[in-house]
Amino acid sequence: MSDPLAAALDRLSRVPGVRGALVVDVAAGVPVVAEVEAEVDPAALAALAASVFRQTDRATEAAEFGRLRTVQLEARAGHVIVAGAGDLALVVVAAEDAQLGLIRLEAHRTVEAFP
């Protein structure tokens, strides 16, 4: 476990409405470090987020929009925000009523500080 990454997740997890956060190896689709609530399966979430991010990144590049920065999924139980940082991605699980603007801002600040 990487201490700077764990510290970043700890800070992000303190944002109101955040149910968990993890850093994912995008190519492998596995969590590098995770801090999530008990009902969130980090392995399943990492695989989903990595797959969606990889596919969407390919599509945005093919459409000449450049590299993908963020993907946001909305479901009945809440939101999943994926922010890319090279080979890694930050995945944030947020409650349905969370302040998404604040969470996205903090997510982007977090990935900018990745080692």
PDB file of N, CA and C in Angstrom:
ATOM      1  N   MET A   1       0.851  -1.174   0.000  1.00  0.00           N
ATOM      2  CA  MET A   1       0.000   0.000   0.000  1.00  0.00           C
ATOM      3  C   MET A   1       0.892   1.231   0.000  1.00  0.00           C
ATOM      4  N   SER A   2       0.538   2.194  -0.821  1.00  0.00           N
ATOM      5  CA  SER A   2       1.311   3.413  -0.934  1.00  0.00           C
ATOM      6  C   SER A   2       0.796   4.446   0.062  1.00  0.00           C
ATOM      7  N   ASP A   3       1.669   4.930   0.922  1.00  0.00           N
ATOM      8  CA  ASP A   3       1.257   5.889   1.943  1.00  0.00           C
ATOM      9  C   ASP A   3       0.680   7.181   1.371  1.00  0.00           C
ATOM     10  N   PRO A   4       1.292   7.803   0.337  1.00  0.00           N
ATOM     11  CA  PRO A   4       0.691   9.027  -0.215  1.00  0.00           C
ATOM     12  C   PRO A   4      -0.700   8.768  -0.807  1.00  0.00           C
ATOM     13  N   LEU A   5      -0.878   7.617  -1.450  1.00  0.00           N
ATOM     14  CA  LEU A   5      -2.190   7.299  -2.021  1.00  0.00           C
ATOM     15  C   LEU A   5      -3.212   7.045  -0.914  1.00  0.00           C
ATOM     16  N   ALA A   6      -2.802   6.331   0.125  1.00  0.00           N
ATOM     17  CA  ALA A   6      -3.707   6.066   1.245  1.00  0.00           C
ATOM     18  C   ALA A   6      -4.096   7.365   1.931  1.00  0.00           C
ATOM     19  N   ALA A   7      -3.154   8.273   2.089  1.00  0.00           N
ATOM     20  CA  ALA A   7      -3.447   9.567   2.708  1.00  0.00           C
ATOM     21  C   ALA A   7      -4.410  10.370   1.847  1.00  0.00           C
ATOM     22  N   ALA A   8      -4.237  10.312   0.539  1.00  0.00           N
ATOM     23  CA  ALA A   8      -5.146  11.024  -0.367  1.00  0.00           C
ATOM     24  C   ALA A   8      -6.558  10.467  -0.268  1.00  0.00           C
ATOM     25  N   LEU A   9      -6.682   9.141  -0.201  1.00  0.00           N
ATOM     26  CA  LEU A   9      -8.012   8.533  -0.064  1.00  0.00           C
ATOM     27  C   LEU A   9      -8.639   8.884   1.267  1.00  0.00           C
ATOM     28  N   ASP A  10      -7.844   8.942   2.308  1.00  0.00           N
ATOM     29  CA  ASP A  10      -8.358   9.304   3.621  1.00  0.00           C
ATOM     30  C   ASP A  10      -8.954  10.709   3.594  1.00  0.00           C
ATOM     31  N   ARG A  11      -8.249  11.660   2.988  1.00  0.00           N
ATOM     32  CA  ARG A  11      -8.766  13.033   2.882  1.00  0.00           C
ATOM     33  C   ARG A  11     -10.055  13.072   2.058  1.00  0.00           C
ATOM     34  N   LEU A  12     -10.045  12.381   0.934  1.00  0.00           N
ATOM     35  CA  LEU A  12     -11.215  12.381   0.055  1.00  0.00           C
ATOM     36  C   LEU A  12     -12.414  11.726   0.727  1.00  0.00           C
ATOM     37  N   SER A  13     -12.171  10.681   1.496  1.00  0.00           N
ATOM     38  CA  SER A  13     -13.266   9.968   2.162  1.00  0.00           C
ATOM     39  C   SER A  13     -13.950  10.813   3.235  1.00  0.00           C
ATOM     40  N   ARG A  14     -13.322  11.888   3.638  1.00  0.00           N
ATOM     41  CA  ARG A  14     -13.910  12.788   4.643  1.00  0.00           C
ATOM     42  C   ARG A  14     -14.864  13.822   4.043  1.00  0.00           C
ATOM     43  N   VAL A  15     -14.917  13.905   2.726  1.00  0.00           N
ATOM     44  CA  VAL A  15     -15.826  14.842   2.058  1.00  0.00           C
ATOM     45  C   VAL A  15     -17.259  14.340   2.267  1.00  0.00           C
ATOM     46  N   PRO A  16     -18.165  15.209   2.700  1.00  0.00           N
ATOM     47  CA  PRO A  16     -19.552  14.776   2.925  1.00  0.00           C
ATOM     48  C   PRO A  16     -20.149  14.116   1.671  1.00  0.00           C
ATOM     49  N   GLY A  17     -20.800  12.994   1.880  1.00  0.00           N
ATOM     50  CA  GLY A  17     -21.440  12.273   0.784  1.00  0.00           C
ATOM     51  C   GLY A  17     -20.588  11.203   0.148  1.00  0.00           C
ATOM     52  N   VAL A  18     -19.288  11.172   0.445  1.00  0.00           N
ATOM     53  CA  VAL A  18     -18.398  10.160  -0.125  1.00  0.00           C
ATOM     54  C   VAL A  18     -18.534   8.878   0.691  1.00  0.00           C
ATOM     55  N   ARG A  19     -18.877   7.799   0.015  1.00  0.00           N
ATOM     56  CA  ARG A  19     -19.032   6.484   0.655  1.00  0.00           C
ATOM     57  C   ARG A  19     -17.780   5.639   0.543  1.00  0.00           C
ATOM     58  N   GLY A  20     -16.859   6.082  -0.260  1.00  0.00           N
ATOM     59  CA  GLY A  20     -15.610   5.355  -0.408  1.00  0.00           C
ATOM     60  C   GLY A  20     -14.821   5.862  -1.589  1.00  0.00           C
ATOM     61  N   ALA A  21     -13.543   5.517  -1.584  1.00  0.00           N
ATOM     62  CA  ALA A  21     -12.668   5.911  -2.687  1.00  0.00           C
ATOM     63  C   ALA A  21     -11.591   4.849  -2.841  1.00  0.00           C
ATOM     64  N   LEU A  22     -11.146   4.676  -4.064  1.00  0.00           N
ATOM     65  CA  LEU A  22     -10.059   3.744  -4.309  1.00  0.00           C
ATOM     66  C   LEU A  22      -9.230   4.197  -5.488  1.00  0.00           C
ATOM     67  N   VAL A  23      -7.995   3.766  -5.494  1.00  0.00           N
ATOM     68  CA  VAL A  23      -7.101   3.984  -6.621  1.00  0.00           C
ATOM     69  C   VAL A  23      -7.023   2.659  -7.351  1.00  0.00           C
ATOM     70  N   VAL A  24      -7.188   2.729  -8.670  1.00  0.00           N
ATOM     71  CA  VAL A  24      -7.287   1.529  -9.497  1.00  0.00           C
ATOM     72  C   VAL A  24      -6.182   1.528 -10.543  1.00  0.00           C
ATOM     73  N   ASP A  25      -5.597   0.376 -10.767  1.00  0.00           N
ATOM     74  CA  ASP A  25      -4.696   0.168 -11.901  1.00  0.00           C
ATOM     75  C   ASP A  25      -5.610  -0.012 -13.110  1.00  0.00           C
ATOM     76  N   VAL A  26      -5.610   0.947 -14.019  1.00  0.00           N
ATOM     77  CA  VAL A  26      -6.564   0.950 -15.128  1.00  0.00           C
ATOM     78  C   VAL A  26      -6.363  -0.241 -16.057  1.00  0.00           C
ATOM     79  N   ALA A  27      -5.143  -0.603 -16.351  1.00  0.00           N
ATOM     80  CA  ALA A  27      -4.891  -1.717 -17.270  1.00  0.00           C
ATOM     81  C   ALA A  27      -5.334  -3.057 -16.680  1.00  0.00           C
ATOM     82  N   ALA A  28      -5.068  -3.263 -15.401  1.00  0.00           N
ATOM     83  CA  ALA A  28      -5.376  -4.548 -14.765  1.00  0.00           C
ATOM     84  C   ALA A  28      -6.786  -4.599 -14.191  1.00  0.00           C
ATOM     85  N   GLY A  29      -7.362  -3.435 -13.906  1.00  0.00           N
ATOM     86  CA  GLY A  29      -8.703  -3.399 -13.335  1.00  0.00           C
ATOM     87  C   GLY A  29      -8.762  -3.863 -11.890  1.00  0.00           C
ATOM     88  N   VAL A  30      -7.682  -3.631 -11.153  1.00  0.00           N
ATOM     89  CA  VAL A  30      -7.628  -4.056  -9.757  1.00  0.00           C
ATOM     90  C   VAL A  30      -7.337  -2.858  -8.850  1.00  0.00           C
ATOM     91  N   PRO A  31      -7.828  -2.927  -7.608  1.00  0.00           N
ATOM     92  CA  PRO A  31      -7.547  -1.820  -6.684  1.00  0.00           C
ATOM     93  C   PRO A  31      -6.092  -1.838  -6.227  1.00  0.00           C
ATOM     94  N   VAL A  32      -5.491  -0.668  -6.165  1.00  0.00           N
ATOM     95  CA  VAL A  32      -4.144  -0.501  -5.629  1.00  0.00           C
ATOM     96  C   VAL A  32      -4.251  -0.226  -4.133  1.00  0.00           C
ATOM     97  N   VAL A  33      -5.190   0.640  -3.781  1.00  0.00           N
ATOM     98  CA  VAL A  33      -5.482   0.974  -2.391  1.00  0.00           C
ATOM     99  C   VAL A  33      -6.952   1.389  -2.344  1.00  0.00           C
ATOM    100  N   ALA A  34      -7.636   1.026  -1.254  1.00  0.00           N
ATOM    101  CA  ALA A  34      -9.066   1.324  -1.160  1.00  0.00           C
ATOM    102  C   ALA A  34      -9.454   1.687   0.256  1.00  0.00           C
ATOM    103  N   GLU A  35     -10.400   2.597   0.346  1.00  0.00           N
ATOM    104  CA  GLU A  35     -11.030   2.950   1.612  1.00  0.00           C
ATOM    105  C   GLU A  35     -12.521   3.119   1.304  1.00  0.00           C
ATOM    106  N   VAL A  36     -13.284   2.054   1.520  1.00  0.00           N
ATOM    107  CA  VAL A  36     -14.704   2.046   1.172  1.00  0.00           C
ATOM    108  C   VAL A  36     -15.533   1.495   2.315  1.00  0.00           C
ATOM    109  N   GLU A  37     -16.826   1.842   2.290  1.00  0.00           N
ATOM    110  CA  GLU A  37     -17.751   1.288   3.270  1.00  0.00           C
ATOM    111  C   GLU A  37     -17.863  -0.217   3.072  1.00  0.00           C
ATOM    112  N   ALA A  38     -18.285  -0.915   4.107  1.00  0.00           N
ATOM    113  CA  ALA A  38     -18.325  -2.383   4.094  1.00  0.00           C
ATOM    114  C   ALA A  38     -19.161  -2.945   2.954  1.00  0.00           C
ATOM    115  N   GLU A  39     -20.245  -2.292   2.570  1.00  0.00           N
ATOM    116  CA  GLU A  39     -21.116  -2.847   1.529  1.00  0.00           C
ATOM    117  C   GLU A  39     -20.605  -2.605   0.106  1.00  0.00           C
ATOM    118  N   VAL A  40     -19.500  -1.905  -0.039  1.00  0.00           N
ATOM    119  CA  VAL A  40     -18.915  -1.651  -1.355  1.00  0.00           C
ATOM    120  C   VAL A  40     -17.816  -2.685  -1.596  1.00  0.00           C
ATOM    121  N   ASP A  41     -17.914  -3.431  -2.695  1.00  0.00           N
ATOM    122  CA  ASP A  41     -16.918  -4.441  -3.056  1.00  0.00           C
ATOM    123  C   ASP A  41     -15.821  -3.768  -3.885  1.00  0.00           C
ATOM    124  N   PRO A  42     -14.645  -3.545  -3.311  1.00  0.00           N
ATOM    125  CA  PRO A  42     -13.615  -2.813  -4.044  1.00  0.00           C
ATOM    126  C   PRO A  42     -13.135  -3.514  -5.315  1.00  0.00           C
ATOM    127  N   ALA A  43     -13.083  -4.833  -5.315  1.00  0.00           N
ATOM    128  CA  ALA A  43     -12.622  -5.551  -6.511  1.00  0.00           C
ATOM    129  C   ALA A  43     -13.619  -5.389  -7.658  1.00  0.00           C
ATOM    130  N   ALA A  44     -14.900  -5.532  -7.369  1.00  0.00           N
ATOM    131  CA  ALA A  44     -15.922  -5.380  -8.411  1.00  0.00           C
ATOM    132  C   ALA A  44     -15.971  -3.942  -8.913  1.00  0.00           C
ATOM    133  N   LEU A  45     -15.883  -2.994  -7.997  1.00  0.00           N
ATOM    134  CA  LEU A  45     -15.909  -1.585  -8.381  1.00  0.00           C
ATOM    135  C   LEU A  45     -14.687  -1.227  -9.223  1.00  0.00           C
ATOM    136  N   ALA A  46     -13.519  -1.739  -8.842  1.00  0.00           N
ATOM    137  CA  ALA A  46     -12.297  -1.472  -9.609  1.00  0.00           C
ATOM    138  C   ALA A  46     -12.411  -2.016 -11.025  1.00  0.00           C
ATOM    139  N   ALA A  47     -12.927  -3.236 -11.164  1.00  0.00           N
ATOM    140  CA  ALA A  47     -13.078  -3.829 -12.500  1.00  0.00           C
ATOM    141  C   ALA A  47     -14.053  -3.028 -13.354  1.00  0.00           C
ATOM    142  N   LEU A  48     -15.184  -2.639 -12.777  1.00  0.00           N
ATOM    143  CA  LEU A  48     -16.170  -1.833 -13.503  1.00  0.00           C
ATOM    144  C   LEU A  48     -15.577  -0.499 -13.924  1.00  0.00           C
ATOM    145  N   ALA A  49     -14.991   0.210 -12.977  1.00  0.00           N
ATOM    146  CA  ALA A  49     -14.455   1.544 -13.256  1.00  0.00           C
ATOM    147  C   ALA A  49     -13.345   1.509 -14.296  1.00  0.00           C
ATOM    148  N   ALA A  50     -12.437   0.558 -14.180  1.00  0.00           N
ATOM    149  CA  ALA A  50     -11.331   0.460 -15.143  1.00  0.00           C
ATOM    150  C   ALA A  50     -11.844   0.162 -16.543  1.00  0.00           C
ATOM    151  N   SER A  51     -12.793  -0.752 -16.648  1.00  0.00           N
ATOM    152  CA  SER A  51     -13.342  -1.106 -17.948  1.00  0.00           C
ATOM    153  C   SER A  51     -14.047   0.085 -18.599  1.00  0.00           C
ATOM    154  N   VAL A  52     -14.895   0.747 -17.843  1.00  0.00           N
ATOM    155  CA  VAL A  52     -15.616   1.916 -18.371  1.00  0.00           C
ATOM    156  C   VAL A  52     -14.630   3.007 -18.763  1.00  0.00           C
ATOM    157  N   PHE A  53     -13.636   3.243 -17.916  1.00  0.00           N
ATOM    158  CA  PHE A  53     -12.677   4.299 -18.203  1.00  0.00           C
ATOM    159  C   PHE A  53     -11.856   3.990 -19.454  1.00  0.00           C
ATOM    160  N   ARG A  54     -11.354   2.749 -19.567  1.00  0.00           N
ATOM    161  CA  ARG A  54     -10.563   2.374 -20.749  1.00  0.00           C
ATOM    162  C   ARG A  54     -11.371   2.538 -22.027  1.00  0.00           C
ATOM    163  N   GLN A  55     -12.581   1.998 -22.038  1.00  0.00           N
ATOM    164  CA  GLN A  55     -13.418   2.048 -23.247  1.00  0.00           C
ATOM    165  C   GLN A  55     -13.785   3.485 -23.619  1.00  0.00           C
ATOM    166  N   THR A  56     -14.140   4.277 -22.630  1.00  0.00           N
ATOM    167  CA  THR A  56     -14.525   5.668 -22.891  1.00  0.00           C
ATOM    168  C   THR A  56     -13.317   6.482 -23.339  1.00  0.00           C
ATOM    169  N   ASP A  57     -12.154   6.214 -22.766  1.00  0.00           N
ATOM    170  CA  ASP A  57     -10.932   6.911 -23.176  1.00  0.00           C
ATOM    171  C   ASP A  57     -10.622   6.620 -24.642  1.00  0.00           C
ATOM    172  N   ARG A  58     -10.742   5.365 -25.039  1.00  0.00           N
ATOM    173  CA  ARG A  58     -10.512   5.007 -26.456  1.00  0.00           C
ATOM    174  C   ARG A  58     -11.491   5.742 -27.369  1.00  0.00           C
ATOM    175  N   ALA A  59     -12.743   5.792 -26.949  1.00  0.00           N
ATOM    176  CA  ALA A  59     -13.772   6.445 -27.768  1.00  0.00           C
ATOM    177  C   ALA A  59     -13.529   7.949 -27.879  1.00  0.00           C
ATOM    178  N   THR A  60     -13.135   8.595 -26.786  1.00  0.00           N
ATOM    179  CA  THR A  60     -12.904  10.040 -26.854  1.00  0.00           C
ATOM    180  C   THR A  60     -11.692  10.363 -27.717  1.00  0.00           C
ATOM    181  N   GLU A  61     -10.676   9.516 -27.643  1.00  0.00           N
ATOM    182  CA  GLU A  61      -9.514   9.739 -28.503  1.00  0.00           C
ATOM    183  C   GLU A  61      -9.873   9.514 -29.971  1.00  0.00           C
ATOM    184  N   ALA A  62     -10.647   8.475 -30.260  1.00  0.00           N
ATOM    185  CA  ALA A  62     -11.064   8.204 -31.638  1.00  0.00           C
ATOM    186  C   ALA A  62     -11.918   9.344 -32.189  1.00  0.00           C
ATOM    187  N   ALA A  63     -12.695   9.973 -31.336  1.00  0.00           N
ATOM    188  CA  ALA A  63     -13.537  11.096 -31.751  1.00  0.00           C
ATOM    189  C   ALA A  63     -12.768  12.420 -31.730  1.00  0.00           C
ATOM    190  N   GLU A  64     -11.475  12.338 -31.451  1.00  0.00           N
ATOM    191  CA  GLU A  64     -10.574  13.491 -31.424  1.00  0.00           C
ATOM    192  C   GLU A  64     -10.945  14.525 -30.355  1.00  0.00           C
ATOM    193  N   PHE A  65     -11.413  14.021 -29.208  1.00  0.00           N
ATOM    194  CA  PHE A  65     -11.663  14.886 -28.055  1.00  0.00           C
ATOM    195  C   PHE A  65     -10.462  14.918 -27.119  1.00  0.00           C
ATOM    196  N   GLY A  66      -9.464  14.103 -27.397  1.00  0.00           N
ATOM    197  CA  GLY A  66      -8.290  14.038 -26.534  1.00  0.00           C
ATOM    198  C   GLY A  66      -8.469  13.029 -25.412  1.00  0.00           C
ATOM    199  N   ARG A  67      -7.523  13.050 -24.474  1.00  0.00           N
ATOM    200  CA  ARG A  67      -7.539  12.099 -23.359  1.00  0.00           C
ATOM    201  C   ARG A  67      -8.704  12.393 -22.418  1.00  0.00           C
ATOM    202  N   LEU A  68      -9.279  11.341 -21.940  1.00  0.00           N
ATOM    203  CA  LEU A  68     -10.399  11.421 -21.007  1.00  0.00           C
ATOM    204  C   LEU A  68      -9.899  11.861 -19.638  1.00  0.00           C
ATOM    205  N   ARG A  69     -10.640  12.748 -18.994  1.00  0.00           N
ATOM    206  CA  ARG A  69     -10.295  13.184 -17.636  1.00  0.00           C
ATOM    207  C   ARG A  69     -11.198  12.539 -16.594  1.00  0.00           C
ATOM    208  N   THR A  70     -12.512  12.537 -16.862  1.00  0.00           N
ATOM    209  CA  THR A  70     -13.459  12.073 -15.852  1.00  0.00           C
ATOM    210  C   THR A  70     -14.638  11.368 -16.504  1.00  0.00           C
ATOM    211  N   VAL A  71     -15.102  10.305 -15.828  1.00  0.00           N
ATOM    212  CA  VAL A  71     -16.339   9.625 -16.194  1.00  0.00           C
ATOM    213  C   VAL A  71     -17.200   9.614 -14.947  1.00  0.00           C
ATOM    214  N   GLN A  72     -18.482   9.882 -15.123  1.00  0.00           N
ATOM    215  CA  GLN A  72     -19.404   9.851 -13.992  1.00  0.00           C
ATOM    216  C   GLN A  72     -20.575   8.946 -14.321  1.00  0.00           C
ATOM    217  N   LEU A  73     -20.831   7.985 -13.427  1.00  0.00           N
ATOM    218  CA  LEU A  73     -21.963   7.077 -13.575  1.00  0.00           C
ATOM    219  C   LEU A  73     -23.003   7.426 -12.525  1.00  0.00           C
ATOM    220  N   GLU A  74     -24.251   7.375 -12.912  1.00  0.00           N
ATOM    221  CA  GLU A  74     -25.338   7.637 -11.970  1.00  0.00           C
ATOM    222  C   GLU A  74     -26.222   6.403 -11.902  1.00  0.00           C
ATOM    223  N   ALA A  75     -26.470   5.929 -10.705  1.00  0.00           N
ATOM    224  CA  ALA A  75     -27.332   4.773 -10.490  1.00  0.00           C
ATOM    225  C   ALA A  75     -28.345   5.115  -9.401  1.00  0.00           C
ATOM    226  N   ARG A  76     -29.264   4.220  -9.154  1.00  0.00           N
ATOM    227  CA  ARG A  76     -30.284   4.477  -8.138  1.00  0.00           C
ATOM    228  C   ARG A  76     -29.705   4.695  -6.753  1.00  0.00           C
ATOM    229  N   ALA A  77     -28.632   3.989  -6.444  1.00  0.00           N
ATOM    230  CA  ALA A  77     -28.061   4.067  -5.098  1.00  0.00           C
ATOM    231  C   ALA A  77     -26.999   5.156  -4.954  1.00  0.00           C
ATOM    232  N   GLY A  78     -26.655   5.846  -6.027  1.00  0.00           N
ATOM    233  CA  GLY A  78     -25.655   6.899  -5.924  1.00  0.00           C
ATOM    234  C   GLY A  78     -24.852   7.073  -7.190  1.00  0.00           C
ATOM    235  N   HIS A  79     -23.642   7.547  -7.024  1.00  0.00           N
ATOM    236  CA  HIS A  79     -22.797   7.931  -8.155  1.00  0.00           C
ATOM    237  C   HIS A  79     -21.418   7.291  -8.033  1.00  0.00           C
ATOM    238  N   VAL A  80     -20.801   7.078  -9.184  1.00  0.00           N
ATOM    239  CA  VAL A  80     -19.407   6.641  -9.251  1.00  0.00           C
ATOM    240  C   VAL A  80     -18.698   7.639 -10.162  1.00  0.00           C
ATOM    241  N   ILE A  81     -17.649   8.240  -9.631  1.00  0.00           N
ATOM    242  CA  ILE A  81     -16.857   9.202 -10.390  1.00  0.00           C
ATOM    243  C   ILE A  81     -15.469   8.599 -10.565  1.00  0.00           C
ATOM    244  N   VAL A  82     -14.992   8.582 -11.812  1.00  0.00           N
ATOM    245  CA  VAL A  82     -13.678   8.023 -12.125  1.00  0.00           C
ATOM    246  C   VAL A  82     -12.849   9.130 -12.761  1.00  0.00           C
ATOM    247  N   ALA A  83     -11.733   9.470 -12.122  1.00  0.00           N
ATOM    248  CA  ALA A  83     -10.830  10.495 -12.629  1.00  0.00           C
ATOM    249  C   ALA A  83      -9.502   9.845 -12.970  1.00  0.00           C
ATOM    250  N   GLY A  84      -9.054  10.032 -14.198  1.00  0.00           N
ATOM    251  CA  GLY A  84      -7.831   9.392 -14.654  1.00  0.00           C
ATOM    252  C   GLY A  84      -6.580  10.126 -14.247  1.00  0.00           C
ATOM    253  N   ALA A  85      -5.521   9.346 -14.037  1.00  0.00           N
ATOM    254  CA  ALA A  85      -4.206   9.893 -13.702  1.00  0.00           C
ATOM    255  C   ALA A  85      -3.141   8.969 -14.272  1.00  0.00           C
ATOM    256  N   GLY A  86      -3.004   8.963 -15.592  1.00  0.00           N
ATOM    257  CA  GLY A  86      -2.022   8.086 -16.232  1.00  0.00           C
ATOM    258  C   GLY A  86      -2.459   6.636 -16.167  1.00  0.00           C
ATOM    259  N   ASP A  87      -1.611   5.797 -15.575  1.00  0.00           N
ATOM    260  CA  ASP A  87      -1.917   4.366 -15.456  1.00  0.00           C
ATOM    261  C   ASP A  87      -2.894   4.071 -14.325  1.00  0.00           C
ATOM    262  N   LEU A  88      -3.156   5.079 -13.506  1.00  0.00           N
ATOM    263  CA  LEU A  88      -4.053   4.921 -12.368  1.00  0.00           C
ATOM    264  C   LEU A  88      -5.317   5.740 -12.570  1.00  0.00           C
ATOM    265  N   ALA A  89      -6.344   5.362 -11.844  1.00  0.00           N
ATOM    266  CA  ALA A  89      -7.575   6.145 -11.823  1.00  0.00           C
ATOM    267  C   ALA A  89      -8.066   6.205 -10.388  1.00  0.00           C
ATOM    268  N   LEU A  90      -8.641   7.325 -10.047  1.00  0.00           N
ATOM    269  CA  LEU A  90      -9.272   7.508  -8.758  1.00  0.00           C
ATOM    270  C   LEU A  90     -10.757   7.235  -8.941  1.00  0.00           C
ATOM    271  N   VAL A  91     -11.309   6.372  -8.109  1.00  0.00           N
ATOM    272  CA  VAL A  91     -12.724   6.029  -8.177  1.00  0.00           C
ATOM    273  C   VAL A  91     -13.368   6.479  -6.870  1.00  0.00           C
ATOM    274  N   VAL A  92     -14.427   7.264  -6.989  1.00  0.00           N
ATOM    275  CA  VAL A  92     -15.132   7.767  -5.813  1.00  0.00           C
ATOM    276  C   VAL A  92     -16.572   7.288  -5.876  1.00  0.00           C
ATOM    277  N   VAL A  93     -17.049   6.715  -4.778  1.00  0.00           N
ATOM    278  CA  VAL A  93     -18.446   6.309  -4.652  1.00  0.00           C
ATOM    279  C   VAL A  93     -19.130   7.369  -3.799  1.00  0.00           C
ATOM    280  N   ALA A  94     -20.203   7.941  -4.336  1.00  0.00           N
ATOM    281  CA  ALA A  94     -20.888   9.023  -3.632  1.00  0.00           C
ATOM    282  C   ALA A  94     -22.360   8.691  -3.441  1.00  0.00           C
ATOM    283  N   ALA A  95     -22.903   9.179  -2.363  1.00  0.00           N
ATOM    284  CA  ALA A  95     -24.321   9.001  -2.074  1.00  0.00           C
ATOM    285  C   ALA A  95     -25.168   9.721  -3.113  1.00  0.00           C
ATOM    286  N   GLU A  96     -26.412   9.307  -3.219  1.00  0.00           N
ATOM    287  CA  GLU A  96     -27.324   9.870  -4.211  1.00  0.00           C
ATOM    288  C   GLU A  96     -27.486  11.384  -4.050  1.00  0.00           C
ATOM    289  N   ASP A  97     -27.486  11.869  -2.810  1.00  0.00           N
ATOM    290  CA  ASP A  97     -27.713  13.294  -2.559  1.00  0.00           C
ATOM    291  C   ASP A  97     -26.425  14.082  -2.310  1.00  0.00           C
ATOM    292  N   ALA A  98     -25.289  13.518  -2.682  1.00  0.00           N
ATOM    293  CA  ALA A  98     -23.997  14.163  -2.453  1.00  0.00           C
ATOM    294  C   ALA A  98     -23.830  15.392  -3.333  1.00  0.00           C
ATOM    295  N   GLN A  99     -22.978  16.307  -2.882  1.00  0.00           N
ATOM    296  CA  GLN A  99     -22.647  17.496  -3.667  1.00  0.00           C
ATOM    297  C   GLN A  99     -21.555  17.105  -4.672  1.00  0.00           C
ATOM    298  N   LEU A 100     -21.996  16.761  -5.865  1.00  0.00           N
ATOM    299  CA  LEU A 100     -21.080  16.196  -6.856  1.00  0.00           C
ATOM    300  C   LEU A 100     -20.028  17.186  -7.334  1.00  0.00           C
ATOM    301  N   GLY A 101     -20.367  18.450  -7.398  1.00  0.00           N
ATOM    302  CA  GLY A 101     -19.385  19.448  -7.815  1.00  0.00           C
ATOM    303  C   GLY A 101     -18.194  19.482  -6.873  1.00  0.00           C
ATOM    304  N   LEU A 102     -18.468  19.473  -5.575  1.00  0.00           N
ATOM    305  CA  LEU A 102     -17.406  19.469  -4.580  1.00  0.00           C
ATOM    306  C   LEU A 102     -16.585  18.182  -4.673  1.00  0.00           C
ATOM    307  N   ILE A 103     -17.260  17.068  -4.834  1.00  0.00           N
ATOM    308  CA  ILE A 103     -16.557  15.789  -4.918  1.00  0.00           C
ATOM    309  C   ILE A 103     -15.684  15.724  -6.164  1.00  0.00           C
ATOM    310  N   ARG A 104     -16.195  16.188  -7.290  1.00  0.00           N
ATOM    311  CA  ARG A 104     -15.380  16.200  -8.521  1.00  0.00           C
ATOM    312  C   ARG A 104     -14.173  17.111  -8.365  1.00  0.00           C
ATOM    313  N   LEU A 105     -14.351  18.266  -7.738  1.00  0.00           N
ATOM    314  CA  LEU A 105     -13.241  19.185  -7.497  1.00  0.00           C
ATOM    315  C   LEU A 105     -12.168  18.512  -6.645  1.00  0.00           C
ATOM    316  N   GLU A 106     -12.586  17.874  -5.567  1.00  0.00           N
ATOM    317  CA  GLU A 106     -11.635  17.181  -4.699  1.00  0.00           C
ATOM    318  C   GLU A 106     -10.984  15.997  -5.416  1.00  0.00           C
ATOM    319  N   ALA A 107     -11.737  15.307  -6.254  1.00  0.00           N
ATOM    320  CA  ALA A 107     -11.171  14.189  -7.013  1.00  0.00           C
ATOM    321  C   ALA A 107     -10.070  14.686  -7.955  1.00  0.00           C
ATOM    322  N   HIS A 108     -10.314  15.794  -8.637  1.00  0.00           N
ATOM    323  CA  HIS A 108      -9.298  16.329  -9.549  1.00  0.00           C
ATOM    324  C   HIS A 108      -8.076  16.826  -8.787  1.00  0.00           C
ATOM    325  N   ARG A 109      -8.283  17.440  -7.643  1.00  0.00           N
ATOM    326  CA  ARG A 109      -7.148  17.857  -6.815  1.00  0.00           C
ATOM    327  C   ARG A 109      -6.336  16.648  -6.371  1.00  0.00           C
ATOM    328  N   THR A 110      -7.030  15.589  -6.047  1.00  0.00           N
ATOM    329  CA  THR A 110      -6.365  14.367  -5.582  1.00  0.00           C
ATOM    330  C   THR A 110      -5.515  13.750  -6.682  1.00  0.00           C
ATOM    331  N   VAL A 111      -6.060  13.604  -7.896  1.00  0.00           N
ATOM    332  CA  VAL A 111      -5.265  12.966  -8.969  1.00  0.00           C
ATOM    333  C   VAL A 111      -4.103  13.839  -9.406  1.00  0.00           C
ATOM    334  N   GLU A 112      -4.230  15.159  -9.276  1.00  0.00           N
ATOM    335  CA  GLU A 112      -3.116  16.034  -9.620  1.00  0.00           C
ATOM    336  C   GLU A 112      -1.940  15.843  -8.660  1.00  0.00           C
ATOM    337  N   ALA A 113      -2.234  15.370  -7.452  1.00  0.00           N
ATOM    338  CA  ALA A 113      -1.185  15.165  -6.448  1.00  0.00           C
ATOM    339  C   ALA A 113      -0.632  13.729  -6.447  1.00  0.00           C
ATOM    340  N   PHE A 114      -1.142  12.868  -7.337  1.00  0.00           N
ATOM    341  CA  PHE A 114      -0.631  11.495  -7.387  1.00  0.00           C
ATOM    342  C   PHE A 114       0.857  11.519  -7.699  1.00  0.00           C
ATOM    343  N   PRO A 115       1.581  10.575  -7.096  1.00  0.00           N
ATOM    344  CA  PRO A 115       3.033  10.495  -7.372  1.00  0.00           C
ATOM    345  C   PRO A 115       3.304  10.027  -8.787  1.00  0.00           C
TER     346      PRO A 115
END
